[in-house]
């Protein structure tokens, strides 16, 4: 299979733009908002409170993917 992008350039882009750090910060924000807005559902789904989730969750940094946006710009 021929990959249509320069893999090394893409990996450099991810590192230079701190995409994993930004993703982790946004995930924490999302989890906190979920807990704040719907605590009962959060507890039911994750079986624990927000402090436990944030102190024990391991953010994996296995890879980054992207998709093509099909929306037209005017």
C-alpha atoms as a PDB file:
ATOM      1  CA  UNK A   1       0.000   0.000   0.000  1.00  0.00           C
ATOM      2  CA  UNK A   2       1.293   3.428  -0.932  1.00  0.00           C
ATOM      3  CA  UNK A   3       0.786   5.982   1.846  1.00  0.00           C
ATOM      4  CA  UNK A   4       0.027   9.387   0.289  1.00  0.00           C
ATOM      5  CA  UNK A   5       1.802  11.401   2.993  1.00  0.00           C
ATOM      6  CA  UNK A   6       5.318  11.744   4.323  1.00  0.00           C
ATOM      7  CA  UNK A   7       5.073   9.756   7.565  1.00  0.00           C
ATOM      8  CA  UNK A   8       8.118  11.427   9.115  1.00  0.00           C
ATOM      9  CA  UNK A   9       6.787  14.904   8.327  1.00  0.00           C
ATOM     10  CA  UNK A  10       3.442  13.962   9.882  1.00  0.00           C
ATOM     11  CA  UNK A  11       5.108  12.605  13.046  1.00  0.00           C
ATOM     12  CA  UNK A  12       7.115  15.843  13.285  1.00  0.00           C
ATOM     13  CA  UNK A  13       3.895  17.849  12.882  1.00  0.00           C
ATOM     14  CA  UNK A  14       2.300  15.895  15.755  1.00  0.00           C
ATOM     15  CA  UNK A  15       5.315  16.479  18.006  1.00  0.00           C
ATOM     16  CA  UNK A  16       5.835  20.150  17.101  1.00  0.00           C
ATOM     17  CA  UNK A  17       2.181  20.976  17.719  1.00  0.00           C
ATOM     18  CA  UNK A  18       1.957  18.982  20.968  1.00  0.00           C
ATOM     19  CA  UNK A  19      -1.135  17.126  19.751  1.00  0.00           C
ATOM     20  CA  UNK A  20      -0.989  14.477  22.479  1.00  0.00           C
ATOM     21  CA  UNK A  21      -0.789  17.082  25.256  1.00  0.00           C
ATOM     22  CA  UNK A  22      -3.664  19.062  23.726  1.00  0.00           C
ATOM     23  CA  UNK A  23      -5.751  15.911  23.353  1.00  0.00           C
ATOM     24  CA  UNK A  24      -5.102  14.890  26.959  1.00  0.00           C
ATOM     25  CA  UNK A  25      -6.100  18.359  28.249  1.00  0.00           C
ATOM     26  CA  UNK A  26      -9.307  18.281  26.218  1.00  0.00           C
ATOM     27  CA  UNK A  27     -10.133  14.761  27.403  1.00  0.00           C
ATOM     28  CA  UNK A  28      -9.760  15.852  31.034  1.00  0.00           C
ATOM     29  CA  UNK A  29     -11.970  18.873  30.348  1.00  0.00           C
ATOM     30  CA  UNK A  30     -14.574  16.633  28.715  1.00  0.00           C
ATOM     31  CA  UNK A  31     -14.561  14.177  31.632  1.00  0.00           C
ATOM     32  CA  UNK A  32     -14.893  16.986  34.178  1.00  0.00           C
ATOM     33  CA  UNK A  33     -17.793  18.520  32.257  1.00  0.00           C
ATOM     34  CA  UNK A  34     -19.514  15.153  31.981  1.00  0.00           C
ATOM     35  CA  UNK A  35     -19.162  14.614  35.739  1.00  0.00           C
ATOM     36  CA  UNK A  36     -20.401  18.132  36.493  1.00  0.00           C
ATOM     37  CA  UNK A  37     -23.384  17.967  34.125  1.00  0.00           C
ATOM     38  CA  UNK A  38     -24.514  14.354  34.610  1.00  0.00           C
ATOM     39  CA  UNK A  39     -22.902  12.908  37.719  1.00  0.00           C
ATOM     40  CA  UNK A  40     -25.303   9.958  37.995  1.00  0.00           C
ATOM     41  CA  UNK A  41     -24.634   8.790  34.425  1.00  0.00           C
ATOM     42  CA  UNK A  42     -20.884   9.291  34.854  1.00  0.00           C
ATOM     43  CA  UNK A  43     -20.872   7.145  38.001  1.00  0.00           C
ATOM     44  CA  UNK A  44     -23.026   4.496  36.345  1.00  0.00           C
ATOM     45  CA  UNK A  45     -20.833   4.307  33.247  1.00  0.00           C
ATOM     46  CA  UNK A  46     -17.399   4.503  34.888  1.00  0.00           C
ATOM     47  CA  UNK A  47     -18.227   3.017  38.309  1.00  0.00           C
ATOM     48  CA  UNK A  48     -16.222   5.668  40.137  1.00  0.00           C
ATOM     49  CA  UNK A  49     -15.909   9.401  40.720  1.00  0.00           C
ATOM     50  CA  UNK A  50     -13.983  11.970  38.701  1.00  0.00           C
ATOM     51  CA  UNK A  51     -11.010  12.156  41.091  1.00  0.00           C
ATOM     52  CA  UNK A  52     -10.417   8.411  40.814  1.00  0.00           C
ATOM     53  CA  UNK A  53     -10.736   8.480  37.035  1.00  0.00           C
ATOM     54  CA  UNK A  54      -8.266  11.351  36.686  1.00  0.00           C
ATOM     55  CA  UNK A  55      -5.753   9.874  39.117  1.00  0.00           C
ATOM     56  CA  UNK A  56      -5.786   6.364  37.644  1.00  0.00           C
ATOM     57  CA  UNK A  57      -6.488   6.817  33.931  1.00  0.00           C
ATOM     58  CA  UNK A  58      -3.534   6.243  31.624  1.00  0.00           C
ATOM     59  CA  UNK A  59      -3.571   8.286  28.447  1.00  0.00           C
ATOM     60  CA  UNK A  60      -2.050   6.144  25.721  1.00  0.00           C
ATOM     61  CA  UNK A  61      -0.010   7.780  22.981  1.00  0.00           C
ATOM     62  CA  UNK A  62      -0.146   5.111  20.307  1.00  0.00           C
ATOM     63  CA  UNK A  63      -0.946   7.138  17.254  1.00  0.00           C
ATOM     64  CA  UNK A  64      -2.753   9.917  15.495  1.00  0.00           C
ATOM     65  CA  UNK A  65      -5.154   9.647  12.621  1.00  0.00           C
ATOM     66  CA  UNK A  66      -6.979  12.128  10.487  1.00  0.00           C
ATOM     67  CA  UNK A  67      -9.909  12.091   8.150  1.00  0.00           C
ATOM     68  CA  UNK A  68     -10.806  14.007   5.054  1.00  0.00           C
ATOM     69  CA  UNK A  69     -13.430  16.696   5.513  1.00  0.00           C
ATOM     70  CA  UNK A  70     -16.044  16.479   2.776  1.00  0.00           C
ATOM     71  CA  UNK A  71     -17.678  19.824   3.535  1.00  0.00           C
ATOM     72  CA  UNK A  72     -17.314  22.421   0.831  1.00  0.00           C
ATOM     73  CA  UNK A  73     -15.857  25.823   1.632  1.00  0.00           C
ATOM     74  CA  UNK A  74     -17.510  28.822   0.078  1.00  0.00           C
END
